[in-house]
Amino acid sequence: MIDTSIFQPAVAMVALTFAVSVRLLFTRVSAMKRERIHPQSVATAAAMAARMPDSRVADNFRNLFELPVLFYLATVVAAMAGLVTPTLLAIAWAFVALRIAHSVIHCTYNKVMHRFYAYIGGWAALVALWGVLAAGLFAR
């Protein structure tokens, strides 16, 4: 039987992605209204960057489709291979917590070194997650 508890942190990551996408919608729409920017005038990424220089939320939204892709795959592999353990769950939740911290920093005050520490912590958690998975897979 598949242990679906590993999907709880995955759902939390999806919720974070949706939350950032909603923030992106509101920040872009309000900036476009405030600056009287016609939507067609920002039809490309280059035009958007030129007209709307505050790209923190958009950058963070893109980041949520980089490292987290490996996280989502790890949750599926863990569940399908029957490798869900309390340790694996703790690492998965640590990754989610660090990605939440990264997003909060990135979308608000954006202090690069704070964001970097959250990123490196999340990266390390992801490496550990895959290390535990690989060990479990190759031990079979």
Protein backbone atom coordinates (compact mmCIF):
# COMPACT_ATOMS: atom_id res chain seq x y z
CA MET A 1 0.00 0.00 0.00
CA ILE A 2 1.24 3.50 -0.86
CA ASP A 3 1.97 5.84 2.06
CA THR A 4 0.41 9.09 0.90
CA SER A 5 1.68 11.16 3.84
CA ILE A 6 4.60 12.25 1.65
CA PHE A 7 2.12 14.12 -0.52
CA GLN A 8 1.23 16.52 2.33
CA PRO A 9 4.44 18.54 1.93
CA ALA A 10 3.92 18.41 -1.85
CA VAL A 11 0.45 19.90 -1.41
CA ALA A 12 1.98 22.59 0.81
CA MET A 13 4.43 23.44 -2.01
CA VAL A 14 1.54 23.65 -4.47
CA ALA A 15 -0.28 25.97 -2.03
CA LEU A 16 2.83 28.16 -1.83
CA THR A 17 3.01 28.30 -5.63
CA PHE A 18 -0.66 29.29 -5.84
CA ALA A 19 -0.19 31.93 -3.12
CA VAL A 20 2.75 33.48 -4.98
CA SER A 21 0.77 33.39 -8.25
CA VAL A 22 -2.10 35.29 -6.60
CA ARG A 23 0.35 37.84 -5.20
CA LEU A 24 1.87 38.15 -8.69
CA LEU A 25 -1.55 38.78 -10.20
CA PHE A 26 -2.37 41.53 -7.72
CA THR A 27 1.04 43.22 -7.89
CA ARG A 28 1.08 43.23 -11.69
CA VAL A 29 -2.49 44.42 -12.10
CA SER A 30 -2.10 47.18 -9.51
CA ALA A 31 1.22 48.32 -11.03
CA MET A 32 -0.29 48.34 -14.52
CA LYS A 33 -3.26 50.39 -13.31
CA ARG A 34 -1.08 52.77 -11.30
CA GLU A 35 1.37 53.33 -14.18
CA ARG A 36 -1.36 53.21 -16.85
CA ILE A 37 0.37 50.40 -18.72
CA HIS A 38 -1.61 48.83 -21.54
CA PRO A 39 -1.41 45.00 -21.36
CA GLN A 40 -0.24 44.70 -24.97
CA SER A 41 2.73 46.96 -24.26
CA VAL A 42 4.15 44.32 -21.89
CA ALA A 43 3.48 41.26 -24.03
CA THR A 44 7.06 39.99 -23.77
CA ALA A 45 9.35 39.40 -20.80
CA ALA A 46 11.75 42.08 -22.05
CA ALA A 47 8.94 44.63 -22.36
CA MET A 48 7.63 43.67 -18.92
CA ALA A 49 11.09 44.15 -17.37
CA ALA A 50 11.49 47.54 -19.04
CA ARG A 51 8.10 48.87 -17.96
CA MET A 52 7.80 47.16 -14.57
CA PRO A 53 11.25 46.97 -12.99
CA ASP A 54 10.12 45.40 -9.66
CA SER A 55 10.23 41.75 -10.66
CA ARG A 56 10.60 40.18 -7.19
CA VAL A 57 7.31 38.28 -7.20
CA ALA A 58 7.62 37.22 -10.85
CA ASP A 59 11.17 36.03 -10.23
CA ASN A 60 10.04 34.06 -7.20
CA PHE A 61 7.16 32.50 -9.14
CA ARG A 62 9.65 31.29 -11.77
CA ASN A 63 11.91 29.94 -8.99
CA LEU A 64 9.02 27.76 -7.82
CA PHE A 65 9.33 25.78 -11.06
CA GLU A 66 13.05 25.09 -10.72
CA LEU A 67 14.29 23.12 -7.66
CA PRO A 68 10.77 22.19 -6.53
CA VAL A 69 10.32 20.07 -9.66
CA LEU A 70 12.92 17.67 -8.24
CA PHE A 71 11.07 17.78 -4.92
CA TYR A 72 7.76 16.80 -6.52
CA LEU A 73 9.43 13.92 -8.32
CA ALA A 74 11.05 12.77 -5.07
CA THR A 75 7.67 12.62 -3.34
CA VAL A 76 6.24 10.44 -6.10
CA VAL A 77 9.31 8.16 -6.14
CA ALA A 78 9.18 7.80 -2.34
CA ALA A 79 5.50 6.92 -2.37
CA MET A 80 5.71 4.50 -5.29
CA ALA A 81 8.82 2.75 -3.95
CA GLY A 82 7.43 2.45 -0.42
CA LEU A 83 10.29 4.49 1.01
CA VAL A 84 8.29 6.99 3.07
CA THR A 85 9.81 7.16 6.56
CA PRO A 86 9.60 9.71 9.37
CA THR A 87 13.10 10.89 8.39
CA LEU A 88 12.09 11.37 4.76
CA LEU A 89 8.95 13.24 5.83
CA ALA A 90 10.98 15.51 8.13
CA ILE A 91 13.38 16.34 5.30
CA ALA A 92 10.48 17.03 2.94
CA TRP A 93 8.85 19.36 5.46
CA ALA A 94 12.20 21.10 6.03
CA PHE A 95 12.44 21.72 2.28
CA VAL A 96 8.93 23.20 2.26
CA ALA A 97 9.64 25.43 5.27
CA LEU A 98 12.82 26.74 3.67
CA ARG A 99 11.05 27.39 0.36
CA ILE A 100 8.35 29.30 2.21
CA ALA A 101 11.06 31.37 3.93
CA HIS A 102 12.75 31.93 0.55
CA SER A 103 9.49 33.11 -1.01
CA VAL A 104 8.61 35.42 1.88
CA ILE A 105 12.06 37.02 1.74
CA HIS A 106 12.06 37.24 -2.06
CA CYS A 107 8.58 38.74 -2.33
CA THR A 108 9.01 41.28 0.48
CA TYR A 109 12.26 42.91 1.63
CA ASN A 110 14.49 40.77 -0.64
CA LYS A 111 17.74 40.85 1.34
CA VAL A 112 19.92 38.72 -0.93
CA MET A 113 22.01 37.02 1.76
CA HIS A 114 18.89 36.07 3.77
CA ARG A 115 17.33 34.67 0.61
CA PHE A 116 20.58 32.86 -0.24
CA TYR A 117 20.67 31.12 3.16
CA ALA A 118 17.07 29.96 2.73
CA TYR A 119 17.89 28.77 -0.80
CA ILE A 120 21.02 26.87 0.25
CA GLY A 121 19.14 25.29 3.16
CA GLY A 122 16.37 24.16 0.80
CA TRP A 123 18.92 22.90 -1.69
CA ALA A 124 20.68 20.91 1.05
CA ALA A 125 17.35 19.43 2.17
CA LEU A 126 16.60 18.41 -1.42
CA VAL A 127 20.03 16.80 -1.79
CA ALA A 128 19.46 14.94 1.50
CA LEU A 129 15.99 13.86 0.36
CA TRP A 130 17.40 12.40 -2.86
CA GLY A 131 20.31 10.86 -0.96
CA VAL A 132 17.94 9.00 1.36
CA LEU A 133 15.80 7.96 -1.62
CA ALA A 134 18.79 6.75 -3.63
CA ALA A 135 20.10 4.76 -0.67
CA GLY A 136 16.70 3.14 -0.24
CA LEU A 137 16.33 2.39 -3.93
CA PHE A 138 19.79 0.89 -4.34
CA ALA A 139 19.53 -1.15 -1.14
CA ARG A 140 16.78 -3.22 -2.72
